[in-house]
């Protein structure tokens, strides 16, 4: 089992590495929640805690096959 310290945490402005559901961790004003992001997007800032928000991948999305390759 992986320890919490081995999990990758992302900051606002960083590129989303893979599509999926991420845990969104705020700086004290809100409990953690889930949000989905697509690969290559940028992680956003929070309207209240700005750049203090962090993101942790919970479930990676499966990539759909390209229609051209069928």
PDB file of N, CA and C in Angstrom:
ATOM      1  N   UNK A   1       0.844  -1.182   0.000  1.00  0.00           N
ATOM      2  CA  UNK A   1       0.000   0.000   0.000  1.00  0.00           C
ATOM      3  C   UNK A   1       0.886   1.241   0.000  1.00  0.00           C
ATOM      4  N   UNK A   2       0.543   2.198  -0.857  1.00  0.00           N
ATOM      5  CA  UNK A   2       1.335   3.428  -0.960  1.00  0.00           C
ATOM      6  C   UNK A   2       1.040   4.342   0.214  1.00  0.00           C
ATOM      7  N   UNK A   3       2.060   4.987   0.707  1.00  0.00           N
ATOM      8  CA  UNK A   3       1.856   5.927   1.801  1.00  0.00           C
ATOM      9  C   UNK A   3       1.400   7.263   1.238  1.00  0.00           C
ATOM     10  N   UNK A   4       0.796   8.099   2.094  1.00  0.00           N
ATOM     11  CA  UNK A   4       0.323   9.400   1.659  1.00  0.00           C
ATOM     12  C   UNK A   4       1.452  10.252   1.104  1.00  0.00           C
ATOM     13  N   UNK A   5       2.656  10.099   1.631  1.00  0.00           N
ATOM     14  CA  UNK A   5       3.778  10.923   1.190  1.00  0.00           C
ATOM     15  C   UNK A   5       4.250  10.560  -0.222  1.00  0.00           C
ATOM     16  N   UNK A   6       3.835   9.396  -0.745  1.00  0.00           N
ATOM     17  CA  UNK A   6       4.251   8.993  -2.082  1.00  0.00           C
ATOM     18  C   UNK A   6       3.271   9.451  -3.161  1.00  0.00           C
ATOM     19  N   UNK A   7       2.141  10.018  -2.764  1.00  0.00           N
ATOM     20  CA  UNK A   7       1.154  10.477  -3.734  1.00  0.00           C
ATOM     21  C   UNK A   7       1.579  11.807  -4.331  1.00  0.00           C
ATOM     22  N   UNK A   8       1.331  11.960  -5.628  1.00  0.00           N
ATOM     23  CA  UNK A   8       1.691  13.188  -6.336  1.00  0.00           C
ATOM     24  C   UNK A   8       0.586  14.220  -6.138  1.00  0.00           C
ATOM     25  N   UNK A   9       0.977  15.395  -5.694  1.00  0.00           N
ATOM     26  CA  UNK A   9       0.043  16.498  -5.479  1.00  0.00           C
ATOM     27  C   UNK A   9       0.395  17.608  -6.461  1.00  0.00           C
ATOM     28  N   UNK A  10      -0.628  18.156  -7.110  1.00  0.00           N
ATOM     29  CA  UNK A  10      -0.440  19.179  -8.140  1.00  0.00           C
ATOM     30  C   UNK A  10      -0.927  20.534  -7.659  1.00  0.00           C
ATOM     31  N   UNK A  11      -0.338  21.583  -8.238  1.00  0.00           N
ATOM     32  CA  UNK A  11      -0.647  22.959  -7.882  1.00  0.00           C
ATOM     33  C   UNK A  11      -1.360  23.655  -9.036  1.00  0.00           C
ATOM     34  N   UNK A  12      -2.087  24.755  -8.750  1.00  0.00           N
ATOM     35  CA  UNK A  12      -2.711  25.523  -9.826  1.00  0.00           C
ATOM     36  C   UNK A  12      -1.671  25.970 -10.849  1.00  0.00           C
ATOM     37  N   UNK A  13      -2.063  25.928 -12.124  1.00  0.00           N
ATOM     38  CA  UNK A  13      -1.153  26.322 -13.202  1.00  0.00           C
ATOM     39  C   UNK A  13      -0.372  25.171 -13.786  1.00  0.00           C
ATOM     40  N   UNK A  14      -0.254  24.061 -13.054  1.00  0.00           N
ATOM     41  CA  UNK A  14       0.429  22.898 -13.600  1.00  0.00           C
ATOM     42  C   UNK A  14      -0.500  22.200 -14.601  1.00  0.00           C
ATOM     43  N   UNK A  15       0.093  21.479 -15.541  1.00  0.00           N
ATOM     44  CA  UNK A  15      -0.665  20.750 -16.548  1.00  0.00           C
ATOM     45  C   UNK A  15      -1.224  19.468 -15.945  1.00  0.00           C
ATOM     46  N   UNK A  16      -2.497  19.193 -16.221  1.00  0.00           N
ATOM     47  CA  UNK A  16      -3.131  17.958 -15.769  1.00  0.00           C
ATOM     48  C   UNK A  16      -2.457  16.799 -16.503  1.00  0.00           C
ATOM     49  N   UNK A  17      -1.834  15.855 -15.786  1.00  0.00           N
ATOM     50  CA  UNK A  17      -1.081  14.787 -16.439  1.00  0.00           C
ATOM     51  C   UNK A  17      -1.954  13.725 -17.110  1.00  0.00           C
ATOM     52  N   UNK A  18      -3.109  13.422 -16.514  1.00  0.00           N
ATOM     53  CA  UNK A  18      -4.014  12.442 -17.120  1.00  0.00           C
ATOM     54  C   UNK A  18      -5.446  12.763 -16.724  1.00  0.00           C
ATOM     55  N   UNK A  19      -6.357  12.500 -17.657  1.00  0.00           N
ATOM     56  CA  UNK A  19      -7.768  12.744 -17.390  1.00  0.00           C
ATOM     57  C   UNK A  19      -8.226  11.879 -16.231  1.00  0.00           C
ATOM     58  N   UNK A  20      -9.134  12.420 -15.429  1.00  0.00           N
ATOM     59  CA  UNK A  20      -9.655  11.633 -14.328  1.00  0.00           C
ATOM     60  C   UNK A  20     -10.329  12.477 -13.275  1.00  0.00           C
ATOM     61  N   UNK A  21     -10.615  11.816 -12.162  1.00  0.00           N
ATOM     62  CA  UNK A  21     -11.238  12.474 -11.026  1.00  0.00           C
ATOM     63  C   UNK A  21     -10.144  12.774 -10.005  1.00  0.00           C
ATOM     64  N   UNK A  22     -10.086  14.026  -9.595  1.00  0.00           N
ATOM     65  CA  UNK A  22      -9.068  14.492  -8.655  1.00  0.00           C
ATOM     66  C   UNK A  22      -9.707  14.949  -7.348  1.00  0.00           C
ATOM     67  N   UNK A  23      -9.019  14.707  -6.250  1.00  0.00           N
ATOM     68  CA  UNK A  23      -9.426  15.265  -4.966  1.00  0.00           C
ATOM     69  C   UNK A  23      -8.903  16.698  -4.935  1.00  0.00           C
ATOM     70  N   UNK A  24      -9.780  17.628  -4.574  1.00  0.00           N
ATOM     71  CA  UNK A  24      -9.413  19.036  -4.506  1.00  0.00           C
ATOM     72  C   UNK A  24      -9.279  19.402  -3.031  1.00  0.00           C
ATOM     73  N   UNK A  25      -8.080  19.843  -2.645  1.00  0.00           N
ATOM     74  CA  UNK A  25      -7.766  20.148  -1.246  1.00  0.00           C
ATOM     75  C   UNK A  25      -7.591  21.650  -1.073  1.00  0.00           C
ATOM     76  N   UNK A  26      -8.488  22.251  -0.303  1.00  0.00           N
ATOM     77  CA  UNK A  26      -8.471  23.699  -0.097  1.00  0.00           C
ATOM     78  C   UNK A  26      -7.752  24.062   1.202  1.00  0.00           C
ATOM     79  N   UNK A  27      -7.429  25.356   1.340  1.00  0.00           N
ATOM     80  CA  UNK A  27      -6.735  25.864   2.527  1.00  0.00           C
ATOM     81  C   UNK A  27      -7.755  26.315   3.570  1.00  0.00           C
ATOM     82  N   UNK A  28      -8.300  25.384   4.304  1.00  0.00           N
ATOM     83  CA  UNK A  28      -9.125  25.598   5.492  1.00  0.00           C
ATOM     84  C   UNK A  28     -10.534  26.126   5.288  1.00  0.00           C
ATOM     85  N   UNK A  29     -10.879  26.750   4.177  1.00  0.00           N
ATOM     86  CA  UNK A  29     -12.215  27.321   4.052  1.00  0.00           C
ATOM     87  C   UNK A  29     -13.259  26.320   3.568  1.00  0.00           C
ATOM     88  N   UNK A  30     -12.832  25.163   3.077  1.00  0.00           N
ATOM     89  CA  UNK A  30     -13.762  24.172   2.525  1.00  0.00           C
ATOM     90  C   UNK A  30     -13.190  22.776   2.697  1.00  0.00           C
ATOM     91  N   UNK A  31     -14.074  21.796   2.901  1.00  0.00           N
ATOM     92  CA  UNK A  31     -13.638  20.406   2.981  1.00  0.00           C
ATOM     93  C   UNK A  31     -13.206  19.933   1.596  1.00  0.00           C
ATOM     94  N   UNK A  32     -12.360  18.901   1.537  1.00  0.00           N
ATOM     95  CA  UNK A  32     -11.959  18.355   0.237  1.00  0.00           C
ATOM     96  C   UNK A  32     -13.179  17.881  -0.544  1.00  0.00           C
ATOM     97  N   UNK A  33     -13.095  17.970  -1.865  1.00  0.00           N
ATOM     98  CA  UNK A  33     -14.164  17.487  -2.730  1.00  0.00           C
ATOM     99  C   UNK A  33     -13.533  16.923  -3.995  1.00  0.00           C
ATOM    100  N   UNK A  34     -14.369  16.381  -4.874  1.00  0.00           N
ATOM    101  CA  UNK A  34     -13.884  15.775  -6.118  1.00  0.00           C
ATOM    102  C   UNK A  34     -14.219  16.667  -7.306  1.00  0.00           C
ATOM    103  N   UNK A  35     -13.363  16.623  -8.321  1.00  0.00           N
ATOM    104  CA  UNK A  35     -13.600  17.336  -9.573  1.00  0.00           C
ATOM    105  C   UNK A  35     -12.923  16.560 -10.696  1.00  0.00           C
ATOM    106  N   UNK A  36     -13.484  16.643 -11.888  1.00  0.00           N
ATOM    107  CA  UNK A  36     -12.875  15.952 -13.022  1.00  0.00           C
ATOM    108  C   UNK A  36     -12.133  16.959 -13.898  1.00  0.00           C
ATOM    109  N   UNK A  37     -11.004  16.504 -14.431  1.00  0.00           N
ATOM    110  CA  UNK A  37     -10.169  17.328 -15.301  1.00  0.00           C
ATOM    111  C   UNK A  37      -9.714  16.484 -16.479  1.00  0.00           C
ATOM    112  N   UNK A  38      -9.534  17.136 -17.628  1.00  0.00           N
ATOM    113  CA  UNK A  38      -9.034  16.467 -18.830  1.00  0.00           C
ATOM    114  C   UNK A  38      -7.525  16.675 -18.928  1.00  0.00           C
ATOM    115  N   UNK A  39      -6.851  15.684 -19.465  1.00  0.00           N
ATOM    116  CA  UNK A  39      -5.403  15.769 -19.665  1.00  0.00           C
ATOM    117  C   UNK A  39      -5.061  16.993 -20.500  1.00  0.00           C
ATOM    118  N   UNK A  40      -3.965  17.611 -20.176  1.00  0.00           N
ATOM    119  CA  UNK A  40      -3.387  18.779 -20.846  1.00  0.00           C
ATOM    120  C   UNK A  40      -4.067  20.102 -20.489  1.00  0.00           C
ATOM    121  N   UNK A  41      -5.139  20.080 -19.694  1.00  0.00           N
ATOM    122  CA  UNK A  41      -5.693  21.322 -19.165  1.00  0.00           C
ATOM    123  C   UNK A  41      -4.739  21.817 -18.082  1.00  0.00           C
ATOM    124  N   UNK A  42      -4.972  23.003 -17.585  1.00  0.00           N
ATOM    125  CA  UNK A  42      -4.215  23.527 -16.450  1.00  0.00           C
ATOM    126  C   UNK A  42      -5.097  23.436 -15.213  1.00  0.00           C
ATOM    127  N   UNK A  43      -4.490  23.046 -14.084  1.00  0.00           N
ATOM    128  CA  UNK A  43      -5.242  23.054 -12.834  1.00  0.00           C
ATOM    129  C   UNK A  43      -5.563  24.505 -12.478  1.00  0.00           C
ATOM    130  N   UNK A  44      -6.810  24.784 -12.068  1.00  0.00           N
ATOM    131  CA  UNK A  44      -7.209  26.167 -11.782  1.00  0.00           C
ATOM    132  C   UNK A  44      -6.887  26.601 -10.356  1.00  0.00           C
ATOM    133  N   UNK A  45      -6.893  27.911 -10.157  1.00  0.00           N
ATOM    134  CA  UNK A  45      -6.810  28.452  -8.805  1.00  0.00           C
ATOM    135  C   UNK A  45      -8.202  28.407  -8.195  1.00  0.00           C
ATOM    136  N   UNK A  46      -8.276  28.472  -6.886  1.00  0.00           N
ATOM    137  CA  UNK A  46      -9.540  28.548  -6.168  1.00  0.00           C
ATOM    138  C   UNK A  46      -9.935  30.018  -6.034  1.00  0.00           C
ATOM    139  N   UNK A  47     -11.234  30.293  -6.092  1.00  0.00           N
ATOM    140  CA  UNK A  47     -11.720  31.658  -5.935  1.00  0.00           C
ATOM    141  C   UNK A  47     -11.480  32.237  -4.550  1.00  0.00           C
ATOM    142  N   UNK A  48     -11.312  31.366  -3.546  1.00  0.00           N
ATOM    143  CA  UNK A  48     -11.088  31.852  -2.172  1.00  0.00           C
ATOM    144  C   UNK A  48      -9.650  31.669  -1.699  1.00  0.00           C
ATOM    145  N   UNK A  49      -9.109  30.475  -1.879  1.00  0.00           N
ATOM    146  CA  UNK A  49      -7.748  30.241  -1.360  1.00  0.00           C
ATOM    147  C   UNK A  49      -6.679  30.343  -2.449  1.00  0.00           C
ATOM    148  N   UNK A  50      -7.087  30.749  -3.639  1.00  0.00           N
ATOM    149  CA  UNK A  50      -6.178  31.050  -4.754  1.00  0.00           C
ATOM    150  C   UNK A  50      -5.196  29.914  -5.025  1.00  0.00           C
ATOM    151  N   UNK A  51      -3.910  30.203  -4.961  1.00  0.00           N
ATOM    152  CA  UNK A  51      -2.871  29.230  -5.313  1.00  0.00           C
ATOM    153  C   UNK A  51      -2.581  28.229  -4.205  1.00  0.00           C
ATOM    154  N   UNK A  52      -3.288  28.315  -3.084  1.00  0.00           N
ATOM    155  CA  UNK A  52      -3.055  27.358  -2.001  1.00  0.00           C
ATOM    156  C   UNK A  52      -3.806  26.042  -2.216  1.00  0.00           C
ATOM    157  N   UNK A  53      -4.719  25.996  -3.188  1.00  0.00           N
ATOM    158  CA  UNK A  53      -5.460  24.766  -3.466  1.00  0.00           C
ATOM    159  C   UNK A  53      -4.519  23.730  -4.094  1.00  0.00           C
ATOM    160  N   UNK A  54      -4.774  22.452  -3.818  1.00  0.00           N
ATOM    161  CA  UNK A  54      -3.961  21.354  -4.352  1.00  0.00           C
ATOM    162  C   UNK A  54      -4.879  20.290  -4.935  1.00  0.00           C
ATOM    163  N   UNK A  55      -4.315  19.455  -5.813  1.00  0.00           N
ATOM    164  CA  UNK A  55      -5.076  18.433  -6.525  1.00  0.00           C
ATOM    165  C   UNK A  55      -4.341  17.103  -6.455  1.00  0.00           C
ATOM    166  N   UNK A  56      -5.095  16.032  -6.222  1.00  0.00           N
ATOM    167  CA  UNK A  56      -4.512  14.692  -6.124  1.00  0.00           C
ATOM    168  C   UNK A  56      -5.372  13.723  -6.931  1.00  0.00           C
ATOM    169  N   UNK A  57      -4.762  12.983  -7.862  1.00  0.00           N
ATOM    170  CA  UNK A  57      -5.502  12.043  -8.695  1.00  0.00           C
ATOM    171  C   UNK A  57      -6.084  10.927  -7.841  1.00  0.00           C
ATOM    172  N   UNK A  58      -7.381  10.702  -8.006  1.00  0.00           N
ATOM    173  CA  UNK A  58      -8.061   9.612  -7.296  1.00  0.00           C
ATOM    174  C   UNK A  58      -8.342   8.451  -8.241  1.00  0.00           C
ATOM    175  N   UNK A  59      -8.933   8.765  -9.424  1.00  0.00           N
ATOM    176  CA  UNK A  59      -9.297   7.743 -10.398  1.00  0.00           C
ATOM    177  C   UNK A  59      -8.945   8.245 -11.792  1.00  0.00           C
ATOM    178  N   UNK A  60      -8.062   7.541 -12.467  1.00  0.00           N
ATOM    179  CA  UNK A  60      -7.707   7.908 -13.839  1.00  0.00           C
ATOM    180  C   UNK A  60      -8.823   7.456 -14.771  1.00  0.00           C
ATOM    181  N   UNK A  61      -9.140   8.277 -15.758  1.00  0.00           N
ATOM    182  CA  UNK A  61     -10.167   7.937 -16.741  1.00  0.00           C
ATOM    183  C   UNK A  61      -9.577   7.037 -17.806  1.00  0.00           C
ATOM    184  N   UNK A  62     -10.393   6.120 -18.280  1.00  0.00           N
ATOM    185  CA  UNK A  62      -9.962   5.268 -19.390  1.00  0.00           C
ATOM    186  C   UNK A  62     -10.088   6.067 -20.670  1.00  0.00           C
ATOM    187  N   UNK A  63      -9.082   5.981 -21.515  1.00  0.00           N
ATOM    188  CA  UNK A  63      -9.117   6.690 -22.788  1.00  0.00           C
ATOM    189  C   UNK A  63     -10.006   5.935 -23.763  1.00  0.00           C
ATOM    190  N   UNK A  64     -10.864   6.674 -24.453  1.00  0.00           N
ATOM    191  CA  UNK A  64     -11.723   6.052 -25.456  1.00  0.00           C
ATOM    192  C   UNK A  64     -10.917   5.829 -26.723  1.00  0.00           C
ATOM    193  N   UNK A  65     -11.177   4.698 -27.401  1.00  0.00           N
ATOM    194  CA  UNK A  65     -10.446   4.435 -28.651  1.00  0.00           C
ATOM    195  C   UNK A  65     -10.798   5.502 -29.689  1.00  0.00           C
ATOM    196  N   UNK A  66      -9.828   5.843 -30.490  1.00  0.00           N
ATOM    197  CA  UNK A  66     -10.029   6.814 -31.554  1.00  0.00           C
ATOM    198  C   UNK A  66     -10.895   6.186 -32.645  1.00  0.00           C
ATOM    199  N   UNK A  67     -11.949   6.874 -33.063  1.00  0.00           N
ATOM    200  CA  UNK A  67     -12.864   6.348 -34.081  1.00  0.00           C
ATOM    201  C   UNK A  67     -12.142   6.005 -35.385  1.00  0.00           C
ATOM    202  N   UNK A  68     -11.077   6.741 -35.716  1.00  0.00           N
ATOM    203  CA  UNK A  68     -10.342   6.505 -36.956  1.00  0.00           C
ATOM    204  C   UNK A  68      -9.618   5.165 -36.941  1.00  0.00           C
ATOM    205  N   UNK A  69      -9.282   4.657 -35.760  1.00  0.00           N
ATOM    206  CA  UNK A  69      -8.501   3.437 -35.645  1.00  0.00           C
ATOM    207  C   UNK A  69      -9.360   2.179 -35.601  1.00  0.00           C
ATOM    208  N   UNK A  70     -10.678   2.303 -35.727  1.00  0.00           N
ATOM    209  CA  UNK A  70     -11.543   1.128 -35.660  1.00  0.00           C
ATOM    210  C   UNK A  70     -11.601   0.404 -36.977  1.00  0.00           C
TER     211      UNK A  70
END
